C-alpha atoms as a PDB file:
ATOM      1  CA  MET A   1      10.148 -15.413  -2.018  1.00  0.00           C
ATOM      2  CA  HIS A   2       8.032 -14.087  -4.804  1.00  0.00           C
ATOM      3  CA  LEU A   3       8.563 -10.414  -6.061  1.00  0.00           C
ATOM      4  CA  PHE A   4       5.698  -8.873  -8.141  1.00  0.00           C
ATOM      5  CA  THR A   5       4.551  -5.296  -8.915  1.00  0.00           C
ATOM      6  CA  ILE A   6       1.075  -4.133  -8.139  1.00  0.00           C
ATOM      7  CA  SER A   7      -0.444  -0.779  -8.964  1.00  0.00           C
ATOM      8  CA  LYS A   8      -0.600   2.228  -6.344  1.00  0.00           C
ATOM      9  CA  ASP A   9      -4.285   1.841  -6.598  1.00  0.00           C
ATOM     10  CA  VAL A  10      -4.298  -1.799  -5.442  1.00  0.00           C
ATOM     11  CA  VAL A  11      -2.108  -0.691  -2.636  1.00  0.00           C
ATOM     12  CA  ASN A  12      -4.260   2.033  -1.583  1.00  0.00           C
ATOM     13  CA  GLU A  13      -7.206  -0.453  -1.330  1.00  0.00           C
ATOM     14  CA  LEU A  14      -5.049  -2.882   0.690  1.00  0.00           C
ATOM     15  CA  HIS A  15      -3.979  -0.137   2.769  1.00  0.00           C
ATOM     16  CA  LEU A  16      -7.649   0.867   3.506  1.00  0.00           C
ATOM     17  CA  LEU A  17      -8.319  -2.551   4.329  1.00  0.00           C
ATOM     18  CA  GLY A  18      -5.611  -2.635   7.060  1.00  0.00           C
ATOM     19  CA  VAL A  19      -3.299  -4.771   4.933  1.00  0.00           C
ATOM     20  CA  SER A  20       0.480  -3.676   5.193  1.00  0.00           C
ATOM     21  CA  CYS A  21       2.235  -5.759   2.534  1.00  0.00           C
ATOM     22  CA  CYS A  22       3.751  -3.316   0.519  1.00  0.00           C
ATOM     23  CA  ILE A  23       6.243  -0.248   0.094  1.00  0.00           C
ATOM     24  CA  PHE A  24       4.023   2.637  -0.566  1.00  0.00           C
ATOM     25  CA  GLY A  25       5.262   5.107  -3.002  1.00  0.00           C
ATOM     26  CA  GLY A  26       4.160   8.775  -3.115  1.00  0.00           C
ATOM     27  CA  MET A  27       5.850  12.095  -3.888  1.00  0.00           C
ATOM     28  CA  ARG A  28       4.799  14.465  -1.135  1.00  0.00           C
ATOM     29  CA  ALA A  29       4.293  18.292  -1.259  1.00  0.00           C
ATOM     30  CA  VAL A  30       3.427  20.700   1.300  1.00  0.00           C
ATOM     31  CA  ILE A  31       2.089  23.828  -0.590  1.00  0.00           C
ATOM     32  CA  GLN A  32       1.883  27.099   1.078  1.00  0.00           C
ATOM     33  CA  ARG A  33       0.234  30.162  -0.298  1.00  0.00           C
ATOM     34  CA  VAL A  34       2.613  33.138   0.536  1.00  0.00           C
ATOM     35  CA  GLN A  35       2.829  36.846   0.305  1.00  0.00           C
ATOM     36  CA  SER A  36       6.734  36.422   0.070  1.00  0.00           C
ATOM     37  CA  GLY A  37       9.204  33.695   0.678  1.00  0.00           C
ATOM     38  CA  SER A  38      12.985  32.937   0.563  1.00  0.00           C
ATOM     39  CA  VAL A  39      15.767  30.379   1.263  1.00  0.00           C
ATOM     40  CA  ALA A  40      19.198  31.088   2.368  1.00  0.00           C
ATOM     41  CA  ILE A  41      22.115  28.597   2.814  1.00  0.00           C
ATOM     42  CA  ALA A  42      24.849  29.779   5.152  1.00  0.00           C
ATOM     43  CA  GLY A  43      23.539  33.020   5.319  1.00  0.00           C
ATOM     44  CA  ASN A  44      23.196  33.615   1.545  1.00  0.00           C
ATOM     45  CA  THR A  45      19.670  33.983  -0.044  1.00  0.00           C
ATOM     46  CA  VAL A  46      19.749  31.819  -3.032  1.00  0.00           C
ATOM     47  CA  GLY A  47      15.981  31.911  -3.786  1.00  0.00           C
ATOM     48  CA  THR A  48      13.268  34.631  -3.274  1.00  0.00           C
ATOM     49  CA  ILE A  49       9.804  35.145  -4.402  1.00  0.00           C
ATOM     50  CA  GLN A  50       6.899  37.711  -3.732  1.00  0.00           C
ATOM     51  CA  LYS A  51       3.231  36.558  -3.925  1.00  0.00           C
ATOM     52  CA  GLY A  52       2.939  32.816  -4.839  1.00  0.00           C
ATOM     53  CA  LEU A  53       3.782  29.277  -3.700  1.00  0.00           C
ATOM     54  CA  VAL A  54       6.406  27.957  -1.310  1.00  0.00           C
ATOM     55  CA  ILE A  55       6.487  24.187  -2.023  1.00  0.00           C
ATOM     56  CA  LEU A  56       8.300  21.659   0.270  1.00  0.00           C
ATOM     57  CA  LEU A  57       8.996  18.478  -1.965  1.00  0.00           C
ATOM     58  CA  GLY A  58       9.632  15.076  -0.621  1.00  0.00           C
ATOM     59  CA  VAL A  59      10.591  11.983  -2.941  1.00  0.00           C
ATOM     60  CA  GLU A  60      10.311   8.427  -2.027  1.00  0.00           C
ATOM     61  CA  ASP A  61      12.205   5.554  -3.595  1.00  0.00           C
ATOM     62  CA  ALA A  62       9.180   4.328  -5.448  1.00  0.00           C
ATOM     63  CA  ASP A  63       8.226   7.747  -7.193  1.00  0.00           C
ATOM     64  CA  GLY A  64       8.830   8.022 -10.812  1.00  0.00           C
ATOM     65  CA  ILE A  65       8.211  10.600 -13.827  1.00  0.00           C
ATOM     66  CA  ASP A  66       4.599  10.094 -13.764  1.00  0.00           C
ATOM     67  CA  ASP A  67       4.542  11.474 -10.152  1.00  0.00           C
ATOM     68  CA  VAL A  68       6.475  14.422 -11.257  1.00  0.00           C
ATOM     69  CA  ASN A  69       4.258  15.256 -14.075  1.00  0.00           C
ATOM     70  CA  TRP A  70       0.908  14.942 -12.135  1.00  0.00           C
ATOM     71  CA  LEU A  71       2.145  16.813  -9.067  1.00  0.00           C
ATOM     72  CA  ALA A  72       3.576  19.809 -11.079  1.00  0.00           C
ATOM     73  CA  ALA A  73       0.255  20.000 -13.135  1.00  0.00           C
ATOM     74  CA  LYS A  74      -1.775  19.936 -10.004  1.00  0.00           C
ATOM     75  CA  VAL A  75       0.279  22.544  -8.221  1.00  0.00           C
ATOM     76  CA  ALA A  76       0.274  24.890 -11.087  1.00  0.00           C
ATOM     77  CA  ALA A  77      -3.461  24.589 -11.469  1.00  0.00           C
ATOM     78  CA  LEU A  78      -4.365  24.422  -7.750  1.00  0.00           C
ATOM     79  CA  ARG A  79      -6.813  27.199  -7.205  1.00  0.00           C
ATOM     80  CA  ILE A  80      -5.956  28.527  -3.792  1.00  0.00           C
ATOM     81  CA  PHE A  81      -5.922  32.209  -4.653  1.00  0.00           C
ATOM     82  CA  SER A  82      -8.903  34.544  -4.021  1.00  0.00           C
ATOM     83  CA  ASP A  83     -10.786  36.076  -7.158  1.00  0.00           C
ATOM     84  CA  ASN A  84     -12.569  39.264  -6.845  1.00  0.00           C
ATOM     85  CA  ASP A  85     -15.503  37.718  -4.941  1.00  0.00           C
ATOM     86  CA  GLY A  86     -12.988  36.613  -2.121  1.00  0.00           C
ATOM     87  CA  LYS A  87     -13.532  32.889  -3.312  1.00  0.00           C
ATOM     88  CA  MET A  88     -10.524  30.496  -3.730  1.00  0.00           C
ATOM     89  CA  ASN A  89     -10.859  30.403  -7.574  1.00  0.00           C
ATOM     90  CA  LEU A  90      -7.485  31.486  -8.935  1.00  0.00           C
ATOM     91  CA  SER A  91      -4.245  29.461  -9.562  1.00  0.00           C
ATOM     92  CA  VAL A  92      -0.797  30.769  -9.216  1.00  0.00           C
ATOM     93  CA  ARG A  93      -0.718  30.680 -12.878  1.00  0.00           C
ATOM     94  CA  ASP A  94      -3.596  32.623 -13.048  1.00  0.00           C
ATOM     95  CA  LEU A  95      -2.135  35.378 -11.085  1.00  0.00           C
ATOM     96  CA  ASP A  96       1.227  35.114 -12.690  1.00  0.00           C
ATOM     97  CA  GLY A  97       2.454  34.400  -9.273  1.00  0.00           C
ATOM     98  CA  GLU A  98       6.089  32.791  -8.324  1.00  0.00           C
ATOM     99  CA  ALA A  99       6.951  29.483  -6.775  1.00  0.00           C
ATOM    100  CA  LEU A 100       9.867  28.485  -4.548  1.00  0.00           C
ATOM    101  CA  VAL A 101      10.655  24.734  -4.351  1.00  0.00           C
ATOM    102  CA  ILE A 102      12.669  23.308  -1.424  1.00  0.00           C
ATOM    103  CA  SER A 103      13.715  19.686  -1.332  1.00  0.00           C
ATOM    104  CA  GLN A 104      12.535  18.119   2.128  1.00  0.00           C
ATOM    105  CA  PHE A 105      13.315  14.381   2.718  1.00  0.00           C
ATOM    106  CA  THR A 106      11.675  14.739   6.083  1.00  0.00           C
ATOM    107  CA  LEU A 107       8.217  14.635   4.590  1.00  0.00           C
ATOM    108  CA  HIS A 108       8.776  10.814   4.444  1.00  0.00           C
ATOM    109  CA  ALA A 109       9.517  10.605   8.191  1.00  0.00           C
ATOM    110  CA  SER A 110       7.948   7.712  10.022  1.00  0.00           C
ATOM    111  CA  ILE A 111       7.658   7.720  13.819  1.00  0.00           C
ATOM    112  CA  LYS A 112       5.670   4.284  14.099  1.00  0.00           C
ATOM    113  CA  LYS A 113       8.456   3.118  16.501  1.00  0.00           C
ATOM    114  CA  GLY A 114       9.732   5.389  19.470  1.00  0.00           C
ATOM    115  CA  THR A 115      10.260   9.060  18.994  1.00  0.00           C
ATOM    116  CA  ARG A 116      13.349   9.345  16.554  1.00  0.00           C
ATOM    117  CA  PRO A 117      12.057   9.533  13.149  1.00  0.00           C
ATOM    118  CA  SER A 118      13.063   7.198  10.697  1.00  0.00           C
ATOM    119  CA  PHE A 119      13.675   8.308   6.939  1.00  0.00           C
ATOM    120  CA  VAL A 120      14.068   4.937   5.290  1.00  0.00           C
ATOM    121  CA  ARG A 121      11.200   5.629   2.844  1.00  0.00           C
ATOM    122  CA  ALA A 122      12.745   8.958   1.636  1.00  0.00           C
ATOM    123  CA  ALA A 123      14.482   8.413  -1.682  1.00  0.00           C
ATOM    124  CA  PRO A 124      18.555   8.281  -1.812  1.00  0.00           C
ATOM    125  CA  PRO A 125      19.957  11.221  -3.576  1.00  0.00           C
ATOM    126  CA  GLU A 126      20.831   9.096  -6.736  1.00  0.00           C
ATOM    127  CA  HIS A 127      16.952   8.766  -7.107  1.00  0.00           C
ATOM    128  CA  ALA A 128      15.681  11.773  -5.672  1.00  0.00           C
ATOM    129  CA  ILE A 129      17.964  14.612  -7.257  1.00  0.00           C
ATOM    130  CA  PRO A 130      16.748  13.821 -10.755  1.00  0.00           C
ATOM    131  CA  LEU A 131      13.206  13.477  -9.795  1.00  0.00           C
ATOM    132  CA  TYR A 132      13.608  16.901  -7.672  1.00  0.00           C
ATOM    133  CA  GLU A 133      15.103  18.440 -10.989  1.00  0.00           C
ATOM    134  CA  ALA A 134      12.547  17.061 -13.205  1.00  0.00           C
ATOM    135  CA  PHE A 135       9.692  18.518 -10.832  1.00  0.00           C
ATOM    136  CA  LEU A 136      11.487  22.048 -11.250  1.00  0.00           C
ATOM    137  CA  GLU A 137      11.624  21.801 -14.940  1.00  0.00           C
ATOM    138  CA  THR A 138       7.983  20.481 -15.268  1.00  0.00           C
ATOM    139  CA  LEU A 139       6.739  23.204 -12.730  1.00  0.00           C
ATOM    140  CA  GLU A 140       8.467  25.848 -14.914  1.00  0.00           C
ATOM    141  CA  ARG A 141       6.962  24.583 -17.995  1.00  0.00           C
ATOM    142  CA  GLU A 142       3.460  24.394 -16.400  1.00  0.00           C
ATOM    143  CA  MET A 143       3.935  27.999 -14.960  1.00  0.00           C
ATOM    144  CA  ASP A 144       5.608  29.387 -18.156  1.00  0.00           C
ATOM    145  CA  LYS A 145       8.245  31.125 -15.929  1.00  0.00           C
ATOM    146  CA  PRO A 146      11.359  30.192 -13.794  1.00  0.00           C
ATOM    147  CA  VAL A 147      10.844  28.762 -10.392  1.00  0.00           C
ATOM    148  CA  GLU A 148      13.218  29.578  -7.462  1.00  0.00           C
ATOM    149  CA  ARG A 149      14.725  26.927  -5.513  1.00  0.00           C
ATOM    150  CA  GLY A 150      16.886  25.931  -2.693  1.00  0.00           C
ATOM    151  CA  GLN A 151      19.855  23.483  -3.062  1.00  0.00           C
ATOM    152  CA  PHE A 152      19.185  19.645  -2.837  1.00  0.00           C
ATOM    153  CA  GLY A 153      20.850  18.234   0.491  1.00  0.00           C
ATOM    154  CA  ALA A 154      21.922  21.603   1.785  1.00  0.00           C
ATOM    155  CA  ASP A 155      21.116  22.810   5.259  1.00  0.00           C
ATOM    156  CA  MET A 156      18.693  25.645   4.420  1.00  0.00           C
ATOM    157  CA  GLN A 157      16.789  28.395   6.318  1.00  0.00           C
ATOM    158  CA  VAL A 158      13.375  28.972   4.679  1.00  0.00           C
ATOM    159  CA  SER A 159      11.386  32.221   5.475  1.00  0.00           C
ATOM    160  CA  LEU A 160       7.823  32.929   4.379  1.00  0.00           C
ATOM    161  CA  ILE A 161       4.775  34.810   5.000  1.00  0.00           C
ATOM    162  CA  ASN A 162       1.925  32.539   4.899  1.00  0.00           C
ATOM    163  CA  ASP A 163      -1.172  34.220   3.311  1.00  0.00           C
ATOM    164  CA  GLY A 164      -4.462  33.157   4.856  1.00  0.00           C
ATOM    165  CA  PRO A 165      -2.729  30.864   6.034  1.00  0.00           C
ATOM    166  CA  VAL A 166      -3.262  28.427   3.276  1.00  0.00           C
ATOM    167  CA  THR A 167      -1.318  25.158   3.557  1.00  0.00           C
ATOM    168  CA  ILE A 168      -2.200  22.147   1.374  1.00  0.00           C
ATOM    169  CA  TRP A 169      -0.479  18.513   1.557  1.00  0.00           C
ATOM    170  CA  ILE A 170      -0.529  16.481  -1.587  1.00  0.00           C
ATOM    171  CA  ASP A 171       0.777  12.927  -1.927  1.00  0.00           C
ATOM    172  CA  THR A 172       0.908  11.336  -5.259  1.00  0.00           C
ATOM    173  CA  GLN A 173      -0.210   8.018  -3.666  1.00  0.00           C
ATOM    174  CA  ASN A 174      -3.636   9.582  -2.882  1.00  0.00           C
ATOM    175  CA  LYS A 175      -4.649  11.271  -6.034  1.00  0.00           C
ATOM    176  CA  SER A 176      -8.477  10.987  -5.507  1.00  0.00           C
END
């Protein structure tokens, strides 16, 4: 058996051609524009925001710091808030809005076989936690303010009022 590394661009091209040869990597985020959001653990609120973004973040084993940097910059600059003309032209940074980040391994669920999800593509905690924490730190730098957060691996109850609704799915595997 020969093992070698190929770029994500090559993997994407192979995938488009229907070739399934590789383990795909892609940090995933579901970004929701909200009027408010909060997260509780065992009935205790651990994070709360007003106008801004609730971000569900899933880390895959193949993810790295390049994924963190690209995704945090993209999220902070994402123009999904309305300007004075009602057009989506402003970012959370432009509005001095807030962010709440929740780790969510289930974003890497696969239901190819049967009806019970498989999470084999989700990164194990020893790989995911440092990248989750790096994402938090990078997003804080991008927004120039603290970011609220859940607790990695905890059973959390997330509440939000989705504004719009506006919900965006981003996978760092598909940057185009």
